[in-house]
Amino acid sequence: MSEHIPYTRASVSVDEDGTRLDVSFYTPDVSIMALGGGRDRPFLTLSSREAHVTVSTTGAGPVTEQDVNLARQIAEAAARYLADCEQLYTDQAATPMLPGLDEVAA
């Protein structure tokens, strides 16, 4: 039987083009928080026990047009992710796995 064990993956690579950080959350143990309402700049934070990612304004300075565009892209991507999760969840509930079939597929 195939198990889907939750995990968070983080890796760093360094080469001639610079440093790259990749973080992937494959766990329900993720929290998301938006802070900064009345402050100088907003923060968007995703975190699990293993990793913490914060997005804020360019150079930690005042909000720029690029920051607003990025915030829109994040919101649009989150809306698509939500729609995909809802659709797949509905589809899975409508066609439950028969006993033994998941063992054959593994």
Protein backbone atom coordinates (compact mmCIF):
# COMPACT_ATOMS: atom_id res chain seq x y z
CA MET A 1 0.00 0.00 0.00
CA SER A 2 1.26 3.48 -0.88
CA GLU A 3 1.43 5.89 2.07
CA HIS A 4 1.46 9.65 1.72
CA ILE A 5 3.61 10.67 4.65
CA PRO A 6 3.66 14.45 5.27
CA TYR A 7 6.99 16.25 4.97
CA THR A 8 8.61 19.60 4.24
CA ARG A 9 11.54 19.71 1.83
CA ALA A 10 14.14 22.47 1.86
CA SER A 11 17.31 22.60 -0.23
CA VAL A 12 19.97 25.15 -1.03
CA SER A 13 22.20 25.19 -4.10
CA VAL A 14 25.09 27.51 -4.79
CA ASP A 15 26.72 27.88 -8.20
CA GLU A 16 28.17 30.57 -10.46
CA ASP A 17 24.69 32.07 -10.94
CA GLY A 18 24.22 32.56 -7.20
CA THR A 19 22.35 30.94 -4.35
CA ARG A 20 18.98 29.25 -4.78
CA LEU A 21 16.66 28.15 -1.96
CA ASP A 22 13.83 25.70 -2.67
CA VAL A 23 11.14 24.99 -0.07
CA SER A 24 8.25 22.59 -0.66
CA PHE A 25 5.47 21.95 1.83
CA TYR A 26 3.83 18.51 1.55
CA THR A 27 2.19 18.55 4.95
CA PRO A 28 -0.98 19.75 6.65
CA ASP A 29 1.36 21.19 9.30
CA VAL A 30 1.61 24.51 7.44
CA SER A 31 0.44 27.82 8.77
CA ILE A 32 0.02 31.00 6.80
CA MET A 33 -0.10 34.46 8.26
CA ALA A 34 -0.34 37.96 6.86
CA LEU A 35 0.97 40.76 9.07
CA GLY A 36 1.61 44.45 8.78
CA GLY A 37 -1.83 46.05 8.43
CA GLY A 38 -0.94 49.41 9.99
CA ARG A 39 2.83 49.10 9.69
CA ASP A 40 5.24 50.41 7.08
CA ARG A 41 5.22 47.15 5.13
CA PRO A 42 3.23 43.91 4.95
CA PHE A 43 4.55 40.38 5.51
CA LEU A 44 3.24 37.04 4.22
CA THR A 45 4.58 34.04 6.10
CA LEU A 46 4.26 30.31 5.40
CA SER A 47 5.77 27.99 7.97
CA SER A 48 5.96 24.44 9.21
CA ARG A 49 8.11 22.92 11.93
CA GLU A 50 10.89 22.38 9.37
CA ALA A 51 10.83 25.59 7.33
CA HIS A 52 9.76 29.22 7.48
CA VAL A 53 9.28 31.44 4.40
CA THR A 54 8.51 35.17 4.58
CA VAL A 55 7.67 37.44 1.65
CA SER A 56 7.74 41.21 2.10
CA THR A 57 8.41 44.36 0.16
CA THR A 58 11.37 44.93 -2.15
CA GLY A 59 14.52 45.54 -0.16
CA ALA A 60 12.38 45.62 3.00
CA GLY A 61 11.46 49.16 2.00
CA PRO A 62 8.29 51.02 1.04
CA VAL A 63 5.68 49.23 -1.09
CA THR A 64 6.41 49.46 -4.81
CA GLU A 65 4.29 48.76 -7.89
CA GLN A 66 6.21 45.49 -8.30
CA ASP A 67 5.25 44.51 -4.72
CA VAL A 68 1.58 45.11 -5.51
CA ASN A 69 1.88 43.04 -8.70
CA LEU A 70 3.54 40.19 -6.78
CA ALA A 71 0.78 40.29 -4.14
CA ARG A 72 -1.83 40.00 -6.93
CA GLN A 73 0.05 37.02 -8.43
CA ILE A 74 0.17 35.33 -5.01
CA ALA A 75 -3.58 35.90 -4.53
CA GLU A 76 -4.38 34.56 -8.02
CA ALA A 77 -2.17 31.50 -7.52
CA ALA A 78 -3.75 30.83 -4.11
CA ALA A 79 -7.24 31.08 -5.66
CA ARG A 80 -6.27 28.55 -8.36
CA TYR A 81 -4.75 26.24 -5.73
CA LEU A 82 -7.96 26.45 -3.68
CA ALA A 83 -10.14 25.69 -6.71
CA ASP A 84 -7.95 22.71 -7.68
CA CYS A 85 -7.96 21.32 -4.12
CA GLU A 86 -11.75 21.69 -3.84
CA GLN A 87 -12.32 20.00 -7.20
CA LEU A 88 -9.98 17.08 -6.48
CA TYR A 89 -11.41 16.63 -3.00
CA THR A 90 -14.93 16.52 -4.45
CA ASP A 91 -13.85 14.07 -7.16
CA GLN A 92 -12.14 11.79 -4.64
CA ALA A 93 -15.18 11.76 -2.37
CA ALA A 94 -17.40 10.83 -5.33
CA THR A 95 -15.21 7.87 -6.36
CA PRO A 96 -13.81 6.20 -3.23
CA MET A 97 -10.92 3.77 -3.62
CA LEU A 98 -12.01 0.15 -3.50
CA PRO A 99 -10.18 -2.07 -0.99
CA GLY A 100 -7.06 -3.60 -2.52
CA LEU A 101 -6.92 -1.32 -5.58
CA ASP A 102 -4.35 1.03 -4.07
CA GLU A 103 -2.08 -1.97 -3.44
CA VAL A 104 -2.29 -2.97 -7.11
CA ALA A 105 -1.38 0.56 -8.25
CA ALA A 106 1.67 0.74 -5.96
